[in-house]
Amino acid sequence: MRGSKVAILEHLRKYPWLTSEEAFRKYGITRLAACIFDLREKGYDIETVMVETETRFGESCRYARYILHEEN
């Protein structure tokens, strides 16, 4: 597995979730959804939870939080 996927897995094992903003800020990963797709293809049970929030301009927006479920 390549570095970015390893960083994502380590993060998800240590913390409750990961967002694309966190992935970019902490690890320089710009294509989190693609990495999550690849990890799912390898058998990892990663859930996508859509979160609704408000921008600094007062507009509604949504973003994804990725959660790793127990590994067997």
PDB file of N, CA and C in Angstrom:
ATOM      1  N   MET A   1       0.849  -1.179   0.000  1.00  0.00           N
ATOM      2  CA  MET A   1       0.000   0.000   0.000  1.00  0.00           C
ATOM      3  C   MET A   1       0.895   1.243   0.000  1.00  0.00           C
ATOM      4  N   ARG A   2       0.464   2.265  -0.683  1.00  0.00           N
ATOM      5  CA  ARG A   2       1.251   3.481  -0.795  1.00  0.00           C
ATOM      6  C   ARG A   2       1.076   4.382   0.417  1.00  0.00           C
ATOM      7  N   GLY A   3       1.931   5.379   0.540  1.00  0.00           N
ATOM      8  CA  GLY A   3       2.000   6.255   1.698  1.00  0.00           C
ATOM      9  C   GLY A   3       0.709   6.944   2.096  1.00  0.00           C
ATOM     10  N   SER A   4      -0.021   7.488   1.127  1.00  0.00           N
ATOM     11  CA  SER A   4      -1.231   8.223   1.480  1.00  0.00           C
ATOM     12  C   SER A   4      -2.293   7.302   2.063  1.00  0.00           C
ATOM     13  N   LYS A   5      -2.411   6.099   1.533  1.00  0.00           N
ATOM     14  CA  LYS A   5      -3.400   5.153   2.054  1.00  0.00           C
ATOM     15  C   LYS A   5      -3.014   4.676   3.445  1.00  0.00           C
ATOM     16  N   VAL A   6      -1.726   4.490   3.674  1.00  0.00           N
ATOM     17  CA  VAL A   6      -1.245   4.110   5.000  1.00  0.00           C
ATOM     18  C   VAL A   6      -1.556   5.225   5.998  1.00  0.00           C
ATOM     19  N   ALA A   7      -1.321   6.473   5.617  1.00  0.00           N
ATOM     20  CA  ALA A   7      -1.619   7.605   6.499  1.00  0.00           C
ATOM     21  C   ALA A   7      -3.100   7.673   6.828  1.00  0.00           C
ATOM     22  N   ILE A   8      -3.944   7.428   5.843  1.00  0.00           N
ATOM     23  CA  ILE A   8      -5.397   7.455   6.064  1.00  0.00           C
ATOM     24  C   ILE A   8      -5.801   6.355   7.030  1.00  0.00           C
ATOM     25  N   LEU A   9      -5.307   5.134   6.806  1.00  0.00           N
ATOM     26  CA  LEU A   9      -5.649   4.024   7.697  1.00  0.00           C
ATOM     27  C   LEU A   9      -5.178   4.283   9.118  1.00  0.00           C
ATOM     28  N   GLU A  10      -3.961   4.778   9.276  1.00  0.00           N
ATOM     29  CA  GLU A  10      -3.447   5.071  10.617  1.00  0.00           C
ATOM     30  C   GLU A  10      -4.306   6.131  11.300  1.00  0.00           C
ATOM     31  N   HIS A  11      -4.698   7.140  10.550  1.00  0.00           N
ATOM     32  CA  HIS A  11      -5.551   8.185  11.118  1.00  0.00           C
ATOM     33  C   HIS A  11      -6.894   7.607  11.563  1.00  0.00           C
ATOM     34  N   LEU A  12      -7.530   6.824  10.686  1.00  0.00           N
ATOM     35  CA  LEU A  12      -8.847   6.271  11.002  1.00  0.00           C
ATOM     36  C   LEU A  12      -8.789   5.268  12.151  1.00  0.00           C
ATOM     37  N   ARG A  13      -7.667   4.616  12.342  1.00  0.00           N
ATOM     38  CA  ARG A  13      -7.519   3.693  13.478  1.00  0.00           C
ATOM     39  C   ARG A  13      -7.332   4.455  14.789  1.00  0.00           C
ATOM     40  N   LYS A  14      -6.759   5.647  14.707  1.00  0.00           N
ATOM     41  CA  LYS A  14      -6.453   6.425  15.907  1.00  0.00           C
ATOM     42  C   LYS A  14      -7.567   7.403  16.277  1.00  0.00           C
ATOM     43  N   TYR A  15      -8.221   7.976  15.285  1.00  0.00           N
ATOM     44  CA  TYR A  15      -9.235   9.012  15.505  1.00  0.00           C
ATOM     45  C   TYR A  15     -10.593   8.525  14.998  1.00  0.00           C
ATOM     46  N   PRO A  16     -11.683   9.154  15.462  1.00  0.00           N
ATOM     47  CA  PRO A  16     -13.010   8.660  15.081  1.00  0.00           C
ATOM     48  C   PRO A  16     -13.370   8.854  13.612  1.00  0.00           C
ATOM     49  N   TRP A  17     -12.815   9.854  12.928  1.00  0.00           N
ATOM     50  CA  TRP A  17     -13.167  10.088  11.524  1.00  0.00           C
ATOM     51  C   TRP A  17     -12.098  10.925  10.841  1.00  0.00           C
ATOM     52  N   LEU A  18     -12.268  11.070   9.515  1.00  0.00           N
ATOM     53  CA  LEU A  18     -11.373  11.896   8.702  1.00  0.00           C
ATOM     54  C   LEU A  18     -12.198  12.605   7.642  1.00  0.00           C
ATOM     55  N   THR A  19     -11.910  13.874   7.428  1.00  0.00           N
ATOM     56  CA  THR A  19     -12.558  14.652   6.375  1.00  0.00           C
ATOM     57  C   THR A  19     -11.493  15.055   5.350  1.00  0.00           C
ATOM     58  N   SER A  20     -11.938  15.506   4.189  1.00  0.00           N
ATOM     59  CA  SER A  20     -10.980  15.911   3.152  1.00  0.00           C
ATOM     60  C   SER A  20     -10.150  17.118   3.596  1.00  0.00           C
ATOM     61  N   GLU A  21     -10.750  18.009   4.351  1.00  0.00           N
ATOM     62  CA  GLU A  21     -10.008  19.178   4.847  1.00  0.00           C
ATOM     63  C   GLU A  21      -8.889  18.744   5.784  1.00  0.00           C
ATOM     64  N   GLU A  22      -9.182  17.805   6.683  1.00  0.00           N
ATOM     65  CA  GLU A  22      -8.157  17.286   7.594  1.00  0.00           C
ATOM     66  C   GLU A  22      -7.069  16.538   6.828  1.00  0.00           C
ATOM     67  N   ALA A  23      -7.485  15.734   5.847  1.00  0.00           N
ATOM     68  CA  ALA A  23      -6.524  14.970   5.060  1.00  0.00           C
ATOM     69  C   ALA A  23      -5.556  15.890   4.325  1.00  0.00           C
ATOM     70  N   PHE A  24      -6.070  16.982   3.792  1.00  0.00           N
ATOM     71  CA  PHE A  24      -5.199  17.936   3.096  1.00  0.00           C
ATOM     72  C   PHE A  24      -4.282  18.655   4.086  1.00  0.00           C
ATOM     73  N   ARG A  25      -4.860  19.148   5.173  1.00  0.00           N
ATOM     74  CA  ARG A  25      -4.088  19.924   6.148  1.00  0.00           C
ATOM     75  C   ARG A  25      -3.011  19.084   6.827  1.00  0.00           C
ATOM     76  N   LYS A  26      -3.356  17.859   7.247  1.00  0.00           N
ATOM     77  CA  LYS A  26      -2.421  17.037   8.015  1.00  0.00           C
ATOM     78  C   LYS A  26      -1.459  16.228   7.155  1.00  0.00           C
ATOM     79  N   TYR A  27      -1.940  15.746   5.985  1.00  0.00           N
ATOM     80  CA  TYR A  27      -1.146  14.796   5.214  1.00  0.00           C
ATOM     81  C   TYR A  27      -0.875  15.223   3.777  1.00  0.00           C
ATOM     82  N   GLY A  28      -1.441  16.339   3.345  1.00  0.00           N
ATOM     83  CA  GLY A  28      -1.238  16.801   1.978  1.00  0.00           C
ATOM     84  C   GLY A  28      -1.988  15.970   0.953  1.00  0.00           C
ATOM     85  N   ILE A  29      -3.000  15.231   1.393  1.00  0.00           N
ATOM     86  CA  ILE A  29      -3.782  14.374   0.499  1.00  0.00           C
ATOM     87  C   ILE A  29      -4.916  15.204  -0.101  1.00  0.00           C
ATOM     88  N   THR A  30      -4.948  15.288  -1.428  1.00  0.00           N
ATOM     89  CA  THR A  30      -5.961  16.106  -2.099  1.00  0.00           C
ATOM     90  C   THR A  30      -7.105  15.284  -2.677  1.00  0.00           C
ATOM     91  N   ARG A  31      -6.928  13.974  -2.798  1.00  0.00           N
ATOM     92  CA  ARG A  31      -7.965  13.114  -3.392  1.00  0.00           C
ATOM     93  C   ARG A  31      -8.379  12.039  -2.388  1.00  0.00           C
ATOM     94  N   LEU A  32      -8.899  12.474  -1.254  1.00  0.00           N
ATOM     95  CA  LEU A  32      -9.268  11.538  -0.192  1.00  0.00           C
ATOM     96  C   LEU A  32     -10.302  10.524  -0.660  1.00  0.00           C
ATOM     97  N   ALA A  33     -11.318  10.959  -1.374  1.00  0.00           N
ATOM     98  CA  ALA A  33     -12.374  10.038  -1.819  1.00  0.00           C
ATOM     99  C   ALA A  33     -11.801   8.907  -2.679  1.00  0.00           C
ATOM    100  N   ALA A  34     -10.830   9.202  -3.513  1.00  0.00           N
ATOM    101  CA  ALA A  34     -10.207   8.168  -4.343  1.00  0.00           C
ATOM    102  C   ALA A  34      -9.432   7.169  -3.487  1.00  0.00           C
ATOM    103  N   CYS A  35      -8.745   7.659  -2.472  1.00  0.00           N
ATOM    104  CA  CYS A  35      -8.019   6.766  -1.563  1.00  0.00           C
ATOM    105  C   CYS A  35      -8.987   5.891  -0.775  1.00  0.00           C
ATOM    106  N   ILE A  36     -10.088   6.469  -0.330  1.00  0.00           N
ATOM    107  CA  ILE A  36     -11.111   5.711   0.396  1.00  0.00           C
ATOM    108  C   ILE A  36     -11.672   4.622  -0.516  1.00  0.00           C
ATOM    109  N   PHE A  37     -11.925   4.951  -1.772  1.00  0.00           N
ATOM    110  CA  PHE A  37     -12.410   3.967  -2.744  1.00  0.00           C
ATOM    111  C   PHE A  37     -11.440   2.790  -2.837  1.00  0.00           C
ATOM    112  N   ASP A  38     -10.157   3.091  -2.970  1.00  0.00           N
ATOM    113  CA  ASP A  38      -9.144   2.035  -3.078  1.00  0.00           C
ATOM    114  C   ASP A  38      -9.104   1.172  -1.816  1.00  0.00           C
ATOM    115  N   LEU A  39      -9.208   1.803  -0.651  1.00  0.00           N
ATOM    116  CA  LEU A  39      -9.196   1.047   0.606  1.00  0.00           C
ATOM    117  C   LEU A  39     -10.418   0.135   0.713  1.00  0.00           C
ATOM    118  N   ARG A  40     -11.558   0.621   0.270  1.00  0.00           N
ATOM    119  CA  ARG A  40     -12.758  -0.220   0.262  1.00  0.00           C
ATOM    120  C   ARG A  40     -12.569  -1.410  -0.668  1.00  0.00           C
ATOM    121  N   GLU A  41     -11.939  -1.184  -1.814  1.00  0.00           N
ATOM    122  CA  GLU A  41     -11.663  -2.268  -2.751  1.00  0.00           C
ATOM    123  C   GLU A  41     -10.770  -3.335  -2.113  1.00  0.00           C
ATOM    124  N   LYS A  42      -9.922  -2.923  -1.177  1.00  0.00           N
ATOM    125  CA  LYS A  42      -9.042  -3.858  -0.468  1.00  0.00           C
ATOM    126  C   LYS A  42      -9.747  -4.529   0.705  1.00  0.00           C
ATOM    127  N   GLY A  43     -11.017  -4.182   0.937  1.00  0.00           N
ATOM    128  CA  GLY A  43     -11.794  -4.870   1.959  1.00  0.00           C
ATOM    129  C   GLY A  43     -12.034  -4.109   3.243  1.00  0.00           C
ATOM    130  N   TYR A  44     -11.560  -2.879   3.358  1.00  0.00           N
ATOM    131  CA  TYR A  44     -11.786  -2.098   4.572  1.00  0.00           C
ATOM    132  C   TYR A  44     -13.214  -1.575   4.594  1.00  0.00           C
ATOM    133  N   ASP A  45     -13.849  -1.683   5.761  1.00  0.00           N
ATOM    134  CA  ASP A  45     -15.235  -1.244   5.942  1.00  0.00           C
ATOM    135  C   ASP A  45     -15.232   0.216   6.385  1.00  0.00           C
ATOM    136  N   ILE A  46     -15.315   1.117   5.416  1.00  0.00           N
ATOM    137  CA  ILE A  46     -15.273   2.551   5.690  1.00  0.00           C
ATOM    138  C   ILE A  46     -16.617   3.148   5.312  1.00  0.00           C
ATOM    139  N   GLU A  47     -17.231   3.802   6.275  1.00  0.00           N
ATOM    140  CA  GLU A  47     -18.546   4.420   6.082  1.00  0.00           C
ATOM    141  C   GLU A  47     -18.380   5.896   5.732  1.00  0.00           C
ATOM    142  N   THR A  48     -19.248   6.367   4.848  1.00  0.00           N
ATOM    143  CA  THR A  48     -19.306   7.791   4.526  1.00  0.00           C
ATOM    144  C   THR A  48     -20.525   8.384   5.223  1.00  0.00           C
ATOM    145  N   VAL A  49     -20.293   9.407   6.028  1.00  0.00           N
ATOM    146  CA  VAL A  49     -21.381  10.119   6.704  1.00  0.00           C
ATOM    147  C   VAL A  49     -21.371  11.550   6.179  1.00  0.00           C
ATOM    148  N   MET A  50     -22.475  11.965   5.585  1.00  0.00           N
ATOM    149  CA  MET A  50     -22.574  13.332   5.077  1.00  0.00           C
ATOM    150  C   MET A  50     -22.999  14.259   6.209  1.00  0.00           C
ATOM    151  N   VAL A  51     -22.256  15.343   6.371  1.00  0.00           N
ATOM    152  CA  VAL A  51     -22.503  16.317   7.429  1.00  0.00           C
ATOM    153  C   VAL A  51     -22.954  17.623   6.779  1.00  0.00           C
ATOM    154  N   GLU A  52     -24.030  18.177   7.280  1.00  0.00           N
ATOM    155  CA  GLU A  52     -24.525  19.447   6.761  1.00  0.00           C
ATOM    156  C   GLU A  52     -24.099  20.559   7.708  1.00  0.00           C
ATOM    157  N   THR A  53     -23.593  21.626   7.136  1.00  0.00           N
ATOM    158  CA  THR A  53     -23.128  22.755   7.934  1.00  0.00           C
ATOM    159  C   THR A  53     -23.398  24.049   7.175  1.00  0.00           C
ATOM    160  N   GLU A  54     -22.936  25.125   7.722  1.00  0.00           N
ATOM    161  CA  GLU A  54     -23.129  26.438   7.106  1.00  0.00           C
ATOM    162  C   GLU A  54     -21.768  27.052   6.813  1.00  0.00           C
ATOM    163  N   THR A  55     -21.627  27.663   5.637  1.00  0.00           N
ATOM    164  CA  THR A  55     -20.374  28.329   5.292  1.00  0.00           C
ATOM    165  C   THR A  55     -20.264  29.648   6.043  1.00  0.00           C
ATOM    166  N   ARG A  56     -19.111  30.269   5.935  1.00  0.00           N
ATOM    167  CA  ARG A  56     -18.927  31.573   6.591  1.00  0.00           C
ATOM    168  C   ARG A  56     -19.798  32.653   5.962  1.00  0.00           C
ATOM    169  N   PHE A  57     -20.389  32.343   4.790  1.00  0.00           N
ATOM    170  CA  PHE A  57     -21.288  33.275   4.115  1.00  0.00           C
ATOM    171  C   PHE A  57     -22.748  32.981   4.432  1.00  0.00           C
ATOM    172  N   GLY A  58     -22.985  32.004   5.309  1.00  0.00           N
ATOM    173  CA  GLY A  58     -24.341  31.680   5.718  1.00  0.00           C
ATOM    174  C   GLY A  58     -25.073  30.733   4.787  1.00  0.00           C
ATOM    175  N   GLU A  59     -24.346  30.145   3.846  1.00  0.00           N
ATOM    176  CA  GLU A  59     -24.967  29.213   2.908  1.00  0.00           C
ATOM    177  C   GLU A  59     -24.808  27.781   3.420  1.00  0.00           C
ATOM    178  N   SER A  60     -25.780  26.958   3.103  1.00  0.00           N
ATOM    179  CA  SER A  60     -25.741  25.560   3.501  1.00  0.00           C
ATOM    180  C   SER A  60     -24.785  24.784   2.603  1.00  0.00           C
ATOM    181  N   CYS A  61     -24.031  23.860   3.205  1.00  0.00           N
ATOM    182  CA  CYS A  61     -23.153  22.993   2.417  1.00  0.00           C
ATOM    183  C   CYS A  61     -23.007  21.654   3.135  1.00  0.00           C
ATOM    184  N   ARG A  62     -22.503  20.670   2.404  1.00  0.00           N
ATOM    185  CA  ARG A  62     -22.309  19.333   2.962  1.00  0.00           C
ATOM    186  C   ARG A  62     -20.879  18.871   2.688  1.00  0.00           C
ATOM    187  N   TYR A  63     -20.374  18.046   3.598  1.00  0.00           N
ATOM    188  CA  TYR A  63     -19.078  17.419   3.385  1.00  0.00           C
ATOM    189  C   TYR A  63     -19.114  16.007   3.960  1.00  0.00           C
ATOM    190  N   ALA A  64     -18.163  15.186   3.540  1.00  0.00           N
ATOM    191  CA  ALA A  64     -18.134  13.785   3.959  1.00  0.00           C
ATOM    192  C   ALA A  64     -17.155  13.584   5.109  1.00  0.00           C
ATOM    193  N   ARG A  65     -17.586  12.759   6.058  1.00  0.00           N
ATOM    194  CA  ARG A  65     -16.714  12.245   7.111  1.00  0.00           C
ATOM    195  C   ARG A  65     -16.580  10.754   6.859  1.00  0.00           C
ATOM    196  N   TYR A  66     -15.367  10.269   6.911  1.00  0.00           N
ATOM    197  CA  TYR A  66     -15.124   8.854   6.698  1.00  0.00           C
ATOM    198  C   TYR A  66     -14.795   8.198   8.035  1.00  0.00           C
ATOM    199  N   ILE A  67     -15.455   7.060   8.300  1.00  0.00           N
ATOM    200  CA  ILE A  67     -15.320   6.344   9.564  1.00  0.00           C
ATOM    201  C   ILE A  67     -14.953   4.896   9.263  1.00  0.00           C
ATOM    202  N   LEU A  68     -13.890   4.422   9.903  1.00  0.00           N
ATOM    203  CA  LEU A  68     -13.473   3.031   9.755  1.00  0.00           C
ATOM    204  C   LEU A  68     -14.179   2.199  10.812  1.00  0.00           C
ATOM    205  N   HIS A  69     -14.881   1.149  10.375  1.00  0.00           N
ATOM    206  CA  HIS A  69     -15.528   0.244  11.317  1.00  0.00           C
ATOM    207  C   HIS A  69     -14.545  -0.845  11.736  1.00  0.00           C
ATOM    208  N   GLU A  70     -14.856  -1.496  12.814  1.00  0.00           N
ATOM    209  CA  GLU A  70     -13.972  -2.505  13.402  1.00  0.00           C
ATOM    210  C   GLU A  70     -13.405  -3.443  12.356  1.00  0.00           C
ATOM    211  N   GLU A  71     -12.117  -3.663  12.479  1.00  0.00           N
ATOM    212  CA  GLU A  71     -11.447  -4.599  11.585  1.00  0.00           C
ATOM    213  C   GLU A  71     -11.432  -5.968  12.254  1.00  0.00           C
ATOM    214  N   ASN A  72     -11.687  -6.990  11.471  1.00  0.00           N
ATOM    215  CA  ASN A  72     -11.687  -8.360  12.015  1.00  0.00           C
ATOM    216  C   ASN A  72     -10.420  -9.081  11.627  1.00  0.00           C
TER     217      ASN A  72
END
